Amino acid sequence: MAVRFLIVDDHPLFRDALAVAIQSAYPEAEIVEASSISAAREALQSGEPFDLLLLDLSMPGTRGFDGLIELRAARPKQPILVVSAHEDPRIVHEAMTCGAAGYISKSVKKADLSEAIQDVMAGLVVLPKGYEPPAADAPSRDTDLAARVASLTRQQLRVLQMVRQGKLNKQIAHELGVGETTVKAHVSEIMRKLNVVSRTQAVIEVARLDYDAILATAGARDDKDTARS
């Protein structure tokens, strides 16, 4: 079976350039192109899976890392190579934090781009030459996020777990035996406590943590509180 690639970029000329870079390494590759995040999402949801998705961060109708977050949420295991004109180390760092499999500048030569694609396909992490991560704040950030997740109530953790499974409010309400408005209130409170602006961002953020351990800790905490009452 031929390897499959999905190119997500709103500029036709650059989509062509990416296709050429792919074909130089994988002459028999099947290449699908998408000029928007919505088109990319549809492509991911139909047909055979893709071996690699190449994504431009600056897509119409998206802000910041929203496109990357949305596609990661749609297919959490899908490898995504960000190919962007932005070279700021902080942007590279954040893209990798959001789950990108690699990051490369649009300014590189075709041969370097082709090599980067092959490296990511081989399971390697690709970063711009000379890249140095910003001041190490990831551990403290993850610790802060873990604390925020741990602050959720047991019921909120259950709701969050179901949101991570892609369930709609109506489905969550049915499984928990509560009203849909109650679920909406829980989701709003979860987003407030996690300091995120969407369900999708909540899913991506929590994916960085050992969620099952947090859930177990919360369960033990609730059992302890019940025993005291």
C-alpha atoms as a PDB file:
ATOM      1  CA  MET A   1       0.000   0.000   0.000  1.00  0.00           C
ATOM      2  CA  ALA A   2       1.325   3.432  -0.961  1.00  0.00           C
ATOM      3  CA  VAL A   3       2.080   5.875   1.834  1.00  0.00           C
ATOM      4  CA  ARG A   4      -0.462   8.676   2.179  1.00  0.00           C
ATOM      5  CA  PHE A   5       0.174  12.343   2.923  1.00  0.00           C
ATOM      6  CA  LEU A   6      -2.199  15.191   3.697  1.00  0.00           C
ATOM      7  CA  ILE A   7      -0.958  18.706   2.894  1.00  0.00           C
ATOM      8  CA  VAL A   8      -2.821  21.490   4.716  1.00  0.00           C
ATOM      9  CA  ASP A   9      -1.889  24.924   3.360  1.00  0.00           C
ATOM     10  CA  ASP A  10      -3.959  27.727   1.833  1.00  0.00           C
ATOM     11  CA  HIS A  11      -1.283  28.670  -0.740  1.00  0.00           C
ATOM     12  CA  PRO A  12      -1.485  26.534  -3.935  1.00  0.00           C
ATOM     13  CA  LEU A  13       2.141  27.209  -4.891  1.00  0.00           C
ATOM     14  CA  PHE A  14       3.436  26.015  -1.552  1.00  0.00           C
ATOM     15  CA  ARG A  15       1.182  22.962  -1.643  1.00  0.00           C
ATOM     16  CA  ASP A  16       2.827  22.167  -4.975  1.00  0.00           C
ATOM     17  CA  ALA A  17       6.285  22.645  -3.441  1.00  0.00           C
ATOM     18  CA  LEU A  18       5.431  20.289  -0.578  1.00  0.00           C
ATOM     19  CA  ALA A  19       4.064  17.722  -3.023  1.00  0.00           C
ATOM     20  CA  VAL A  20       7.329  17.838  -4.996  1.00  0.00           C
ATOM     21  CA  ALA A  21       9.351  17.364  -1.784  1.00  0.00           C
ATOM     22  CA  ILE A  22       7.210  14.377  -0.836  1.00  0.00           C
ATOM     23  CA  GLN A  23       7.426  12.790  -4.274  1.00  0.00           C
ATOM     24  CA  SER A  24      11.215  13.116  -4.352  1.00  0.00           C
ATOM     25  CA  ALA A  25      11.347  10.823  -1.313  1.00  0.00           C
ATOM     26  CA  TYR A  26       8.224   8.761  -1.970  1.00  0.00           C
ATOM     27  CA  PRO A  27       7.547   8.640  -5.740  1.00  0.00           C
ATOM     28  CA  GLU A  28       4.492   6.392  -5.330  1.00  0.00           C
ATOM     29  CA  ALA A  29       2.947   8.400  -2.500  1.00  0.00           C
ATOM     30  CA  GLU A  30      -0.720   9.309  -2.500  1.00  0.00           C
ATOM     31  CA  ILE A  31      -1.068  13.013  -1.736  1.00  0.00           C
ATOM     32  CA  VAL A  32      -4.276  14.749  -0.647  1.00  0.00           C
ATOM     33  CA  GLU A  33      -4.430  18.534  -0.375  1.00  0.00           C
ATOM     34  CA  ALA A  34      -6.615  20.728   1.853  1.00  0.00           C
ATOM     35  CA  SER A  35      -6.788  24.525   1.745  1.00  0.00           C
ATOM     36  CA  SER A  36      -8.555  24.905   5.117  1.00  0.00           C
ATOM     37  CA  ILE A  37      -8.733  23.255   8.518  1.00  0.00           C
ATOM     38  CA  SER A  38     -12.325  22.152   7.913  1.00  0.00           C
ATOM     39  CA  ALA A  39     -11.308  20.484   4.643  1.00  0.00           C
ATOM     40  CA  ALA A  40      -8.416  18.792   6.448  1.00  0.00           C
ATOM     41  CA  ARG A  41     -10.752  17.520   9.158  1.00  0.00           C
ATOM     42  CA  GLU A  42     -13.075  16.059   6.522  1.00  0.00           C
ATOM     43  CA  ALA A  43     -10.137  14.358   4.831  1.00  0.00           C
ATOM     44  CA  LEU A  44      -9.059  12.825   8.143  1.00  0.00           C
ATOM     45  CA  GLN A  45     -12.537  11.471   8.761  1.00  0.00           C
ATOM     46  CA  SER A  46     -12.924   9.792   5.381  1.00  0.00           C
ATOM     47  CA  GLY A  47     -11.018   6.988   3.722  1.00  0.00           C
ATOM     48  CA  GLU A  48      -7.743   5.404   4.770  1.00  0.00           C
ATOM     49  CA  PRO A  49      -5.556   6.985   7.469  1.00  0.00           C
ATOM     50  CA  PHE A  50      -2.653   9.232   6.530  1.00  0.00           C
ATOM     51  CA  ASP A  51       0.942   8.415   7.340  1.00  0.00           C
ATOM     52  CA  LEU A  52       1.811  12.090   7.795  1.00  0.00           C
ATOM     53  CA  LEU A  53       0.036  15.440   7.808  1.00  0.00           C
ATOM     54  CA  LEU A  54       1.967  18.579   6.817  1.00  0.00           C
ATOM     55  CA  LEU A  55       0.430  21.714   8.312  1.00  0.00           C
ATOM     56  CA  ASP A  56       0.888  25.449   7.913  1.00  0.00           C
ATOM     57  CA  LEU A  57       0.032  27.181  11.199  1.00  0.00           C
ATOM     58  CA  SER A  58      -1.259  30.349   9.501  1.00  0.00           C
ATOM     59  CA  MET A  59      -4.520  29.085   8.058  1.00  0.00           C
ATOM     60  CA  PRO A  60      -7.635  31.189   7.264  1.00  0.00           C
ATOM     61  CA  GLY A  61     -10.237  31.206  10.021  1.00  0.00           C
ATOM     62  CA  THR A  62      -7.821  30.043  12.712  1.00  0.00           C
ATOM     63  CA  ARG A  63      -5.837  31.799  15.412  1.00  0.00           C
ATOM     64  CA  GLY A  64      -2.507  30.784  16.840  1.00  0.00           C
ATOM     65  CA  PHE A  65      -2.374  27.035  17.350  1.00  0.00           C
ATOM     66  CA  ASP A  66      -6.122  26.430  17.002  1.00  0.00           C
ATOM     67  CA  GLY A  67      -5.737  24.546  13.714  1.00  0.00           C
ATOM     68  CA  LEU A  68      -3.078  22.228  15.119  1.00  0.00           C
ATOM     69  CA  ILE A  69      -5.108  21.658  18.285  1.00  0.00           C
ATOM     70  CA  GLU A  70      -8.280  20.936  16.323  1.00  0.00           C
ATOM     71  CA  LEU A  71      -6.625  18.405  14.016  1.00  0.00           C
ATOM     72  CA  ARG A  72      -4.829  16.754  16.930  1.00  0.00           C
ATOM     73  CA  ALA A  73      -8.151  16.401  18.721  1.00  0.00           C
ATOM     74  CA  ALA A  74      -9.791  14.922  15.612  1.00  0.00           C
ATOM     75  CA  ARG A  75      -7.010  12.334  15.233  1.00  0.00           C
ATOM     76  CA  PRO A  76      -4.854  12.212  18.409  1.00  0.00           C
ATOM     77  CA  LYS A  77      -2.435   9.641  16.956  1.00  0.00           C
ATOM     78  CA  GLN A  78      -1.969  11.409  13.613  1.00  0.00           C
ATOM     79  CA  PRO A  79       1.664  12.555  13.147  1.00  0.00           C
ATOM     80  CA  ILE A  80       1.721  16.245  12.157  1.00  0.00           C
ATOM     81  CA  LEU A  81       4.752  18.028  10.746  1.00  0.00           C
ATOM     82  CA  VAL A  82       4.372  21.798  11.036  1.00  0.00           C
ATOM     83  CA  VAL A  83       5.809  23.610   8.002  1.00  0.00           C
ATOM     84  CA  SER A  84       5.669  27.303   8.843  1.00  0.00           C
ATOM     85  CA  ALA A  85       7.164  30.681   7.968  1.00  0.00           C
ATOM     86  CA  HIS A  86       7.406  31.433  11.709  1.00  0.00           C
ATOM     87  CA  GLU A  87      10.817  30.631  13.199  1.00  0.00           C
ATOM     88  CA  ASP A  88      10.470  32.128  16.672  1.00  0.00           C
ATOM     89  CA  PRO A  89      11.686  29.505  19.196  1.00  0.00           C
ATOM     90  CA  ARG A  90       8.670  30.223  21.387  1.00  0.00           C
ATOM     91  CA  ILE A  91       6.320  29.313  18.523  1.00  0.00           C
ATOM     92  CA  VAL A  92       8.307  26.157  17.779  1.00  0.00           C
ATOM     93  CA  HIS A  93       8.216  25.197  21.456  1.00  0.00           C
ATOM     94  CA  GLU A  94       4.467  25.766  21.741  1.00  0.00           C
ATOM     95  CA  ALA A  95       3.753  23.784  18.559  1.00  0.00           C
ATOM     96  CA  MET A  96       5.690  20.843  19.949  1.00  0.00           C
ATOM     97  CA  THR A  97       3.889  21.205  23.268  1.00  0.00           C
ATOM     98  CA  CYS A  98       0.592  21.023  21.368  1.00  0.00           C
ATOM     99  CA  GLY A  99       1.615  17.663  19.954  1.00  0.00           C
ATOM    100  CA  ALA A 100       3.411  18.314  16.655  1.00  0.00           C
ATOM    101  CA  ALA A 101       5.737  15.508  15.551  1.00  0.00           C
ATOM    102  CA  GLY A 102       8.173  18.037  14.126  1.00  0.00           C
ATOM    103  CA  TYR A 103       8.615  21.624  12.989  1.00  0.00           C
ATOM    104  CA  ILE A 104      10.432  22.970   9.941  1.00  0.00           C
ATOM    105  CA  SER A 105      10.721  26.384   8.321  1.00  0.00           C
ATOM    106  CA  LYS A 106       9.235  27.120   4.918  1.00  0.00           C
ATOM    107  CA  SER A 107      12.522  28.773   3.999  1.00  0.00           C
ATOM    108  CA  VAL A 108      14.521  25.534   3.896  1.00  0.00           C
ATOM    109  CA  LYS A 109      15.686  24.002   0.631  1.00  0.00           C
ATOM    110  CA  LYS A 110      13.585  21.304  -1.019  1.00  0.00           C
ATOM    111  CA  ALA A 111      16.203  18.650  -0.214  1.00  0.00           C
ATOM    112  CA  ASP A 112      16.116  19.581   3.495  1.00  0.00           C
ATOM    113  CA  LEU A 113      12.334  19.506   3.490  1.00  0.00           C
ATOM    114  CA  SER A 114      12.342  16.096   1.855  1.00  0.00           C
ATOM    115  CA  GLU A 115      14.838  14.850   4.439  1.00  0.00           C
ATOM    116  CA  ALA A 116      12.713  16.228   7.287  1.00  0.00           C
ATOM    117  CA  ILE A 117       9.665  14.393   5.948  1.00  0.00           C
ATOM    118  CA  GLN A 118      11.615  11.127   5.820  1.00  0.00           C
ATOM    119  CA  ASP A 119      12.926  11.657   9.356  1.00  0.00           C
ATOM    120  CA  VAL A 120       9.435  12.223  10.787  1.00  0.00           C
ATOM    121  CA  MET A 121       8.173   9.187   8.883  1.00  0.00           C
ATOM    122  CA  ALA A 122      10.970   7.230  10.574  1.00  0.00           C
ATOM    123  CA  GLY A 123       9.760   8.384  13.992  1.00  0.00           C
ATOM    124  CA  LEU A 124      12.373  11.075  14.582  1.00  0.00           C
ATOM    125  CA  VAL A 125      11.641  14.523  15.979  1.00  0.00           C
ATOM    126  CA  VAL A 126      12.558  17.268  13.494  1.00  0.00           C
ATOM    127  CA  LEU A 127      13.320  20.819  14.655  1.00  0.00           C
ATOM    128  CA  PRO A 128      14.813  23.862  12.892  1.00  0.00           C
ATOM    129  CA  LYS A 129      18.611  23.925  12.706  1.00  0.00           C
ATOM    130  CA  GLY A 130      20.067  25.911  15.569  1.00  0.00           C
ATOM    131  CA  TYR A 131      16.813  25.742  17.529  1.00  0.00           C
ATOM    132  CA  GLU A 132      17.194  26.299  21.237  1.00  0.00           C
ATOM    133  CA  PRO A 133      14.105  25.987  23.429  1.00  0.00           C
ATOM    134  CA  PRO A 134      13.089  29.042  25.451  1.00  0.00           C
ATOM    135  CA  ALA A 135      13.819  29.145  29.177  1.00  0.00           C
ATOM    136  CA  ALA A 136      12.677  25.821  30.564  1.00  0.00           C
ATOM    137  CA  ASP A 137       9.193  26.349  31.879  1.00  0.00           C
ATOM    138  CA  ALA A 138       7.543  23.125  30.743  1.00  0.00           C
ATOM    139  CA  PRO A 139       7.874  21.282  34.076  1.00  0.00           C
ATOM    140  CA  SER A 140       6.345  24.152  36.043  1.00  0.00           C
ATOM    141  CA  ARG A 141       3.631  24.543  33.408  1.00  0.00           C
ATOM    142  CA  ASP A 142       2.745  20.844  33.587  1.00  0.00           C
ATOM    143  CA  THR A 143       2.802  20.965  37.371  1.00  0.00           C
ATOM    144  CA  ASP A 144       0.446  23.933  37.311  1.00  0.00           C
ATOM    145  CA  LEU A 145      -1.865  22.169  34.854  1.00  0.00           C
ATOM    146  CA  ALA A 146      -1.863  19.014  36.972  1.00  0.00           C
ATOM    147  CA  ALA A 147      -2.826  21.086  40.002  1.00  0.00           C
ATOM    148  CA  ARG A 148      -5.683  22.681  38.063  1.00  0.00           C
ATOM    149  CA  VAL A 149      -6.948  19.298  36.871  1.00  0.00           C
ATOM    150  CA  ALA A 150      -6.674  17.929  40.399  1.00  0.00           C
ATOM    151  CA  SER A 151      -8.860  20.819  41.603  1.00  0.00           C
ATOM    152  CA  LEU A 152     -11.793  19.488  39.585  1.00  0.00           C
ATOM    153  CA  THR A 153     -14.515  17.668  41.454  1.00  0.00           C
ATOM    154  CA  ARG A 154     -15.043  13.948  40.895  1.00  0.00           C
ATOM    155  CA  GLN A 155     -18.070  14.651  38.689  1.00  0.00           C
ATOM    156  CA  GLN A 156     -16.172  17.252  36.673  1.00  0.00           C
ATOM    157  CA  LEU A 157     -13.373  14.730  36.130  1.00  0.00           C
ATOM    158  CA  ARG A 158     -15.927  12.216  34.852  1.00  0.00           C
ATOM    159  CA  VAL A 159     -17.300  14.812  32.455  1.00  0.00           C
ATOM    160  CA  LEU A 160     -13.806  15.739  31.290  1.00  0.00           C
ATOM    161  CA  GLN A 161     -12.975  12.095  30.708  1.00  0.00           C
ATOM    162  CA  MET A 162     -16.062  11.720  28.493  1.00  0.00           C
ATOM    163  CA  VAL A 163     -15.221  14.935  26.632  1.00  0.00           C
ATOM    164  CA  ARG A 164     -11.810  13.386  25.922  1.00  0.00           C
ATOM    165  CA  GLN A 165     -13.625  10.402  24.449  1.00  0.00           C
ATOM    166  CA  GLY A 166     -15.394  12.726  22.015  1.00  0.00           C
ATOM    167  CA  LYS A 167     -18.840  12.384  23.567  1.00  0.00           C
ATOM    168  CA  LEU A 168     -21.437  15.111  23.132  1.00  0.00           C
ATOM    169  CA  ASN A 169     -23.201  16.829  26.042  1.00  0.00           C
ATOM    170  CA  LYS A 170     -26.363  14.836  25.321  1.00  0.00           C
ATOM    171  CA  GLN A 171     -24.473  11.532  25.530  1.00  0.00           C
ATOM    172  CA  ILE A 172     -22.685  12.584  28.712  1.00  0.00           C
ATOM    173  CA  ALA A 173     -25.972  13.630  30.319  1.00  0.00           C
ATOM    174  CA  HIS A 174     -27.517  10.252  29.469  1.00  0.00           C
ATOM    175  CA  GLU A 175     -24.605   8.266  30.901  1.00  0.00           C
ATOM    176  CA  LEU A 176     -24.439  10.311  34.096  1.00  0.00           C
ATOM    177  CA  GLY A 177     -28.192  10.482  34.529  1.00  0.00           C
ATOM    178  CA  VAL A 178     -28.271  14.276  34.732  1.00  0.00           C
ATOM    179  CA  GLY A 179     -29.735  17.090  32.640  1.00  0.00           C
ATOM    180  CA  GLU A 180     -27.896  18.473  29.624  1.00  0.00           C
ATOM    181  CA  THR A 181     -27.826  21.932  31.252  1.00  0.00           C
ATOM    182  CA  THR A 182     -25.968  20.395  34.193  1.00  0.00           C
ATOM    183  CA  VAL A 183     -23.374  18.953  31.823  1.00  0.00           C
ATOM    184  CA  LYS A 184     -23.000  22.353  30.113  1.00  0.00           C
ATOM    185  CA  ALA A 185     -22.409  23.941  33.514  1.00  0.00           C
ATOM    186  CA  HIS A 186     -19.753  21.323  34.329  1.00  0.00           C
ATOM    187  CA  VAL A 187     -17.993  21.893  30.990  1.00  0.00           C
ATOM    188  CA  SER A 188     -17.971  25.658  31.536  1.00  0.00           C
ATOM    189  CA  GLU A 189     -16.505  25.219  35.006  1.00  0.00           C
ATOM    190  CA  ILE A 190     -13.904  22.755  33.716  1.00  0.00           C
ATOM    191  CA  MET A 191     -12.795  25.247  31.060  1.00  0.00           C
ATOM    192  CA  ARG A 192     -12.625  28.023  33.666  1.00  0.00           C
ATOM    193  CA  LYS A 193     -10.525  25.958  36.068  1.00  0.00           C
ATOM    194  CA  LEU A 194      -8.179  24.734  33.327  1.00  0.00           C
ATOM    195  CA  ASN A 195      -7.899  28.245  31.881  1.00  0.00           C
ATOM    196  CA  VAL A 196      -8.766  27.115  28.329  1.00  0.00           C
ATOM    197  CA  VAL A 197     -11.155  28.594  25.790  1.00  0.00           C
ATOM    198  CA  SER A 198     -12.577  25.464  24.182  1.00  0.00           C
ATOM    199  CA  ARG A 199     -13.295  21.767  24.744  1.00  0.00           C
ATOM    200  CA  THR A 200     -10.673  20.962  22.113  1.00  0.00           C
ATOM    201  CA  GLN A 201      -7.963  22.879  23.944  1.00  0.00           C
ATOM    202  CA  ALA A 202      -8.924  21.141  27.199  1.00  0.00           C
ATOM    203  CA  VAL A 203      -8.461  17.743  25.531  1.00  0.00           C
ATOM    204  CA  ILE A 204      -5.050  18.646  24.120  1.00  0.00           C
ATOM    205  CA  GLU A 205      -3.806  20.183  27.385  1.00  0.00           C
ATOM    206  CA  VAL A 206      -4.876  17.232  29.528  1.00  0.00           C
ATOM    207  CA  ALA A 207      -3.323  14.775  27.044  1.00  0.00           C
ATOM    208  CA  ARG A 208       0.097  15.907  28.323  1.00  0.00           C
ATOM    209  CA  LEU A 209      -0.677  14.610  31.816  1.00  0.00           C
ATOM    210  CA  ASP A 210      -1.074  11.235  33.474  1.00  0.00           C
ATOM    211  CA  TYR A 211      -4.840  11.704  33.554  1.00  0.00           C
ATOM    212  CA  ASP A 212      -5.621   8.253  34.962  1.00  0.00           C
ATOM    213  CA  ALA A 213      -3.356   8.910  37.941  1.00  0.00           C
ATOM    214  CA  ILE A 214      -5.069  12.249  38.568  1.00  0.00           C
ATOM    215  CA  LEU A 215      -8.456  10.551  38.336  1.00  0.00           C
ATOM    216  CA  ALA A 216      -7.393   7.881  40.823  1.00  0.00           C
ATOM    217  CA  THR A 217      -6.044  10.532  43.184  1.00  0.00           C
ATOM    218  CA  ALA A 218      -9.309  12.448  42.995  1.00  0.00           C
ATOM    219  CA  GLY A 219     -11.214   9.246  43.706  1.00  0.00           C
ATOM    220  CA  ALA A 220      -9.119   8.549  46.786  1.00  0.00           C
ATOM    221  CA  ARG A 221      -9.620  12.151  47.899  1.00  0.00           C
ATOM    222  CA  ASP A 222     -13.392  11.877  47.511  1.00  0.00           C
ATOM    223  CA  ASP A 223     -13.467   8.544  49.391  1.00  0.00           C
ATOM    224  CA  LYS A 224     -11.472  10.137  52.218  1.00  0.00           C
ATOM    225  CA  ASP A 225     -13.842  13.089  52.374  1.00  0.00           C
ATOM    226  CA  THR A 226     -16.822  10.741  52.441  1.00  0.00           C
ATOM    227  CA  ALA A 227     -15.328   8.735  55.301  1.00  0.00           C
ATOM    228  CA  ARG A 228     -14.854  11.922  57.316  1.00  0.00           C
ATOM    229  CA  SER A 229     -18.434  13.118  56.824  1.00  0.00           C
END
